[in-house]
Amino acid sequence: MRFQTTETFDKLFVRLSKIIQMKAAKKTDLFKKNPFHPSLRVEKLRPKKFNVWSFRVDRDCRIIFKFVERDLVEFIFIGHHNEIYDYSFFK
């Protein structure tokens, strides 16, 4: 599987604390090995028509992603779980 990030994801990632960046890197590595590993708690976000998913970095932080093609995943957003529901990619 191939992976890419959006410009928004990259900008948000560098603003995170080093601790969260390390956690995100660890969870991303796990995601690359098994996108539906139980510890990631992957879920499809609403509205479901946008086909956007999330997985947990830790209790508060989420990575939002989309299956762009059969073998391509795009990381769209990273941040606090309360922020993902206000994010403009839903529009």
Protein backbone atom coordinates (compact mmCIF):
# COMPACT_ATOMS: atom_id res chain seq x y z
CA MET A 1 0.00 0.00 0.00
CA ARG A 2 1.14 3.55 -0.77
CA PHE A 3 0.72 6.54 1.53
CA GLN A 4 0.65 10.29 1.01
CA THR A 5 -0.11 13.32 3.14
CA THR A 6 -1.88 16.57 2.38
CA GLU A 7 -0.26 19.95 2.83
CA THR A 8 -2.67 20.58 5.70
CA PHE A 9 -1.63 17.36 7.44
CA ASP A 10 2.05 18.26 7.10
CA LYS A 11 1.51 21.76 8.53
CA LEU A 12 -0.49 20.44 11.46
CA PHE A 13 2.01 17.67 12.18
CA VAL A 14 4.97 20.04 12.64
CA ARG A 15 2.93 22.13 15.09
CA LEU A 16 2.37 19.15 17.39
CA SER A 17 4.49 18.53 20.46
CA LYS A 18 7.44 16.19 19.94
CA ILE A 19 5.75 13.62 22.18
CA ILE A 20 2.61 13.56 20.01
CA GLN A 21 4.74 13.47 16.86
CA MET A 22 6.52 10.37 18.19
CA LYS A 23 3.21 8.73 19.11
CA ALA A 24 1.81 9.57 15.68
CA ALA A 25 4.85 8.07 13.94
CA LYS A 26 4.48 4.88 15.97
CA LYS A 27 0.75 4.58 15.24
CA THR A 28 1.31 5.38 11.56
CA ASP A 29 3.85 2.56 11.35
CA LEU A 30 1.30 0.21 12.90
CA PHE A 31 -1.36 1.48 10.46
CA LYS A 32 0.95 0.76 7.52
CA LYS A 33 1.35 -2.85 8.72
CA ASN A 34 -2.34 -3.36 9.51
CA PRO A 35 -4.79 -0.50 8.81
CA PHE A 36 -7.46 -2.12 10.95
CA HIS A 37 -5.37 -3.16 13.95
CA PRO A 38 -7.70 -3.10 16.99
CA SER A 39 -5.50 -0.73 19.00
CA LEU A 40 -5.93 1.97 16.34
CA ARG A 41 -9.70 2.01 16.85
CA VAL A 42 -10.34 2.84 13.20
CA GLU A 43 -13.77 4.26 12.50
CA LYS A 44 -15.60 5.72 9.55
CA LEU A 45 -16.61 9.31 10.23
CA ARG A 46 -19.94 10.94 9.54
CA PRO A 47 -21.28 11.94 7.17
CA LYS A 48 -20.36 8.57 5.72
CA LYS A 49 -20.84 9.74 2.14
CA PHE A 50 -17.42 11.46 2.32
CA ASN A 51 -15.73 8.11 2.98
CA VAL A 52 -13.36 9.58 5.57
CA TRP A 53 -11.88 7.51 8.38
CA SER A 54 -9.92 8.13 11.58
CA PHE A 55 -7.55 6.28 13.87
CA ARG A 56 -6.27 7.11 17.32
CA VAL A 57 -2.83 8.45 18.04
CA ASP A 58 -3.69 8.67 21.72
CA ARG A 59 -6.74 9.42 23.85
CA ASP A 60 -7.18 12.91 22.39
CA CYS A 61 -5.40 12.99 19.03
CA ARG A 62 -6.68 11.49 15.77
CA ILE A 63 -5.39 11.06 12.25
CA ILE A 64 -8.00 11.48 9.54
CA PHE A 65 -7.46 9.57 6.33
CA LYS A 66 -9.11 8.50 3.13
CA PHE A 67 -8.69 5.51 0.85
CA VAL A 68 -8.00 7.41 -2.38
CA GLU A 69 -7.40 4.33 -4.51
CA ARG A 70 -7.32 0.64 -3.81
CA ASP A 71 -3.65 0.82 -2.83
CA LEU A 72 -3.36 4.51 -1.82
CA VAL A 73 -4.16 6.09 1.53
CA GLU A 74 -4.04 9.83 2.10
CA PHE A 75 -3.54 11.30 5.57
CA ILE A 76 -5.67 14.46 5.60
CA PHE A 77 -5.67 15.86 9.13
CA ILE A 78 -4.10 15.33 12.52
CA GLY A 79 -5.31 16.92 15.72
CA HIS A 80 -7.60 16.82 18.73
CA HIS A 81 -10.67 14.65 18.25
CA ASN A 82 -13.00 17.62 18.83
CA GLU A 83 -11.47 19.43 15.83
CA ILE A 84 -12.16 16.71 13.29
CA TYR A 85 -15.88 17.34 13.25
CA ASP A 86 -15.42 21.01 12.34
CA TYR A 87 -12.88 20.43 9.60
CA SER A 88 -13.72 21.80 6.16
CA PHE A 89 -13.05 18.62 4.15
CA PHE A 90 -16.58 17.56 5.07
CA LYS A 91 -18.02 20.35 2.92
